C-alpha atoms as a PDB file:
ATOM      1  CA  MET A   1       9.650  -4.419  -7.135  1.00  0.00           C
ATOM      2  CA  SER A   2       6.055  -3.281  -6.912  1.00  0.00           C
ATOM      3  CA  VAL A   3       5.121  -0.055  -5.166  1.00  0.00           C
ATOM      4  CA  LEU A   4       1.389   0.262  -4.612  1.00  0.00           C
ATOM      5  CA  LEU A   5       0.385   3.731  -3.515  1.00  0.00           C
ATOM      6  CA  GLU A   6      -3.140   4.648  -2.544  1.00  0.00           C
ATOM      7  CA  PHE A   7      -3.589   8.369  -2.195  1.00  0.00           C
ATOM      8  CA  SER A   8      -6.105  11.143  -2.127  1.00  0.00           C
ATOM      9  CA  MET A   9      -5.293  14.770  -2.805  1.00  0.00           C
ATOM     10  CA  PHE A  10      -7.690  17.658  -3.027  1.00  0.00           C
ATOM     11  CA  PRO A  11      -7.939  21.360  -2.182  1.00  0.00           C
ATOM     12  CA  THR A  12      -9.647  22.424   1.008  1.00  0.00           C
ATOM     13  CA  SER A  13      -9.425  26.154   0.335  1.00  0.00           C
ATOM     14  CA  SER A  14     -12.347  28.052  -1.152  1.00  0.00           C
ATOM     15  CA  ASN A  15     -10.217  29.535  -3.947  1.00  0.00           C
ATOM     16  CA  CYS A  16     -10.097  26.114  -5.659  1.00  0.00           C
ATOM     17  CA  ARG A  17     -13.492  24.625  -4.881  1.00  0.00           C
ATOM     18  CA  ASP A  18     -16.829  24.795  -6.612  1.00  0.00           C
ATOM     19  CA  GLY A  19     -18.983  24.898  -3.506  1.00  0.00           C
ATOM     20  CA  ASP A  20     -18.580  21.496  -1.850  1.00  0.00           C
ATOM     21  CA  SER A  21     -17.210  19.848  -4.992  1.00  0.00           C
ATOM     22  CA  VAL A  22     -13.542  19.177  -5.697  1.00  0.00           C
ATOM     23  CA  SER A  23     -14.100  17.020  -8.782  1.00  0.00           C
ATOM     24  CA  ALA A  24     -12.698  19.623 -11.198  1.00  0.00           C
ATOM     25  CA  GLN A  25      -9.384  19.677  -9.331  1.00  0.00           C
ATOM     26  CA  VAL A  26      -9.284  15.904  -8.817  1.00  0.00           C
ATOM     27  CA  SER A  27      -9.955  15.430 -12.543  1.00  0.00           C
ATOM     28  CA  LYS A  28      -6.786  17.383 -13.330  1.00  0.00           C
ATOM     29  CA  ILE A  29      -4.812  14.985 -11.147  1.00  0.00           C
ATOM     30  CA  VAL A  30      -6.349  11.863 -12.661  1.00  0.00           C
ATOM     31  CA  ASP A  31      -5.705  13.224 -16.146  1.00  0.00           C
ATOM     32  CA  VAL A  32      -1.957  13.608 -15.566  1.00  0.00           C
ATOM     33  CA  ILE A  33      -1.759  10.159 -13.971  1.00  0.00           C
ATOM     34  CA  ASP A  34      -3.485   8.705 -17.016  1.00  0.00           C
ATOM     35  CA  LYS A  35      -1.126  10.528 -19.380  1.00  0.00           C
ATOM     36  CA  SER A  36       1.909   9.345 -17.380  1.00  0.00           C
ATOM     37  CA  GLY A  37       1.304   5.746 -18.405  1.00  0.00           C
ATOM     38  CA  VAL A  38       1.449   4.478 -14.817  1.00  0.00           C
ATOM     39  CA  ALA A  39      -1.045   1.726 -13.986  1.00  0.00           C
ATOM     40  CA  TYR A  40      -3.795   3.146 -11.800  1.00  0.00           C
ATOM     41  CA  GLN A  41      -7.286   2.562 -10.483  1.00  0.00           C
ATOM     42  CA  LEU A  42      -9.642   5.360  -9.522  1.00  0.00           C
ATOM     43  CA  THR A  43     -11.819   4.715  -6.466  1.00  0.00           C
ATOM     44  CA  PRO A  44     -14.515   6.838  -4.819  1.00  0.00           C
ATOM     45  CA  MET A  45     -12.112   7.850  -2.044  1.00  0.00           C
ATOM     46  CA  GLY A  46      -8.802   8.112  -3.899  1.00  0.00           C
ATOM     47  CA  THR A  47      -6.540   6.629  -6.533  1.00  0.00           C
ATOM     48  CA  VAL A  48      -4.257   3.601  -6.431  1.00  0.00           C
ATOM     49  CA  ILE A  49      -1.134   3.574  -8.605  1.00  0.00           C
ATOM     50  CA  GLU A  50       1.522   0.925  -9.161  1.00  0.00           C
ATOM     51  CA  THR A  51       5.123   1.753 -10.016  1.00  0.00           C
ATOM     52  CA  ASP A  52       8.408  -0.144 -10.100  1.00  0.00           C
ATOM     53  CA  THR A  53      10.182   2.167  -7.654  1.00  0.00           C
ATOM     54  CA  MET A  54       9.475   4.492  -4.764  1.00  0.00           C
ATOM     55  CA  LYS A  55      11.056   7.313  -6.747  1.00  0.00           C
ATOM     56  CA  GLU A  56       8.468   6.862  -9.527  1.00  0.00           C
ATOM     57  CA  ALA A  57       5.612   6.796  -7.011  1.00  0.00           C
ATOM     58  CA  LEU A  58       6.803   9.997  -5.355  1.00  0.00           C
ATOM     59  CA  ALA A  59       7.204  11.633  -8.773  1.00  0.00           C
ATOM     60  CA  ILE A  60       3.497  10.948  -9.400  1.00  0.00           C
ATOM     61  CA  ILE A  61       2.648  12.619  -6.094  1.00  0.00           C
ATOM     62  CA  GLU A  62       4.693  15.645  -7.075  1.00  0.00           C
ATOM     63  CA  LEU A  63       3.030  15.711 -10.490  1.00  0.00           C
ATOM     64  CA  ALA A  64      -0.387  15.490  -8.848  1.00  0.00           C
ATOM     65  CA  TYR A  65       0.409  18.371  -6.504  1.00  0.00           C
ATOM     66  CA  GLU A  66       1.604  20.521  -9.409  1.00  0.00           C
ATOM     67  CA  GLN A  67      -1.923  20.341 -10.825  1.00  0.00           C
ATOM     68  CA  ILE A  68      -3.414  22.094  -7.798  1.00  0.00           C
ATOM     69  CA  ASN A  69      -0.466  24.042  -6.380  1.00  0.00           C
ATOM     70  CA  GLY A  70      -2.325  27.314  -6.956  1.00  0.00           C
ATOM     71  CA  CYS A  71      -4.716  26.374  -4.170  1.00  0.00           C
ATOM     72  CA  ASP A  72      -4.218  28.012  -0.785  1.00  0.00           C
ATOM     73  CA  ARG A  73      -4.565  24.702   1.079  1.00  0.00           C
ATOM     74  CA  VAL A  74      -4.309  21.075  -0.083  1.00  0.00           C
ATOM     75  CA  TYR A  75      -5.103  17.896   1.835  1.00  0.00           C
ATOM     76  CA  SER A  76      -3.365  14.639   0.972  1.00  0.00           C
ATOM     77  CA  SER A  77      -3.267  11.153   2.431  1.00  0.00           C
ATOM     78  CA  LEU A  78      -0.857   8.428   1.252  1.00  0.00           C
ATOM     79  CA  LYS A  79      -0.572   4.689   1.948  1.00  0.00           C
ATOM     80  CA  PHE A  80       2.192   2.480   0.529  1.00  0.00           C
ATOM     81  CA  ASP A  81       2.526  -1.287   0.063  1.00  0.00           C
ATOM     82  CA  ILE A  82       6.038  -2.071  -1.171  1.00  0.00           C
ATOM     83  CA  ARG A  83       7.008  -5.590  -2.157  1.00  0.00           C
ATOM     84  CA  LYS A  84      10.122  -6.960  -3.841  1.00  0.00           C
ATOM     85  CA  ASN A  85      10.142  -9.565  -6.620  1.00  0.00           C
ATOM     86  CA  THR A  86       6.579  -8.915  -7.777  1.00  0.00           C
ATOM     87  CA  LYS A  87       4.733  -6.940 -10.420  1.00  0.00           C
ATOM     88  CA  ASN A  88       1.178  -6.286 -11.560  1.00  0.00           C
ATOM     89  CA  ARG A  89      -0.237  -6.374  -8.017  1.00  0.00           C
ATOM     90  CA  LEU A  90      -2.881  -3.821  -8.933  1.00  0.00           C
ATOM     91  CA  LYS A  91      -4.650  -6.733 -10.624  1.00  0.00           C
ATOM     92  CA  THR A  92      -3.238  -9.839  -8.944  1.00  0.00           C
ATOM     93  CA  LYS A  93      -4.166  -8.805  -5.392  1.00  0.00           C
ATOM     94  CA  ILE A  94      -7.801  -8.442  -6.430  1.00  0.00           C
ATOM     95  CA  ALA A  95      -7.708 -11.685  -8.422  1.00  0.00           C
ATOM     96  CA  SER A  96      -6.355 -13.519  -5.378  1.00  0.00           C
ATOM     97  CA  VAL A  97      -9.272 -12.420  -3.199  1.00  0.00           C
ATOM     98  CA  GLU A  98     -11.801 -13.159  -5.949  1.00  0.00           C
ATOM     99  CA  LYS A  99     -10.350 -16.660  -6.279  1.00  0.00           C
ATOM    100  CA  VAL A 100     -10.856 -17.313  -2.576  1.00  0.00           C
ATOM    101  CA  LEU A 101     -14.398 -15.918  -2.724  1.00  0.00           C
ATOM    102  CA  ASN A 102     -15.239 -18.132  -5.673  1.00  0.00           C
ATOM    103  CA  ARG A 103     -14.131 -21.197  -3.701  1.00  0.00           C
ATOM    104  CA  LYS A 104     -16.413 -20.235  -0.852  1.00  0.00           C
ATOM    105  CA  VAL A 105     -19.369 -19.750  -3.176  1.00  0.00           C
ATOM    106  CA  ASN A 106     -18.846 -23.179  -4.742  1.00  0.00           C
ATOM    107  CA  HIS A 107     -18.707 -25.014  -1.375  1.00  0.00           C
END
């Protein structure tokens, strides 16, 4: 099984922000994801992870929240794409689109 999870999580309370910036808090989250060994891709608006189970994906969310749980208010948005009998979709989904685009360029 492949569980793709795209999420964003950041504090909205002033006690955890540096003015308008939340990069210090987001960096803590990305650091623990990196150390977890889970495949991930950082994007400007969030992070995409891939796990083998829903339980693993939710454990990453809990781990991420633990990094900023001292904040008075936290915003988070999550999107899942769960598919059986597949793996490595973090790369193969992009490769599939790039393959189609390459065909269009060559024609």
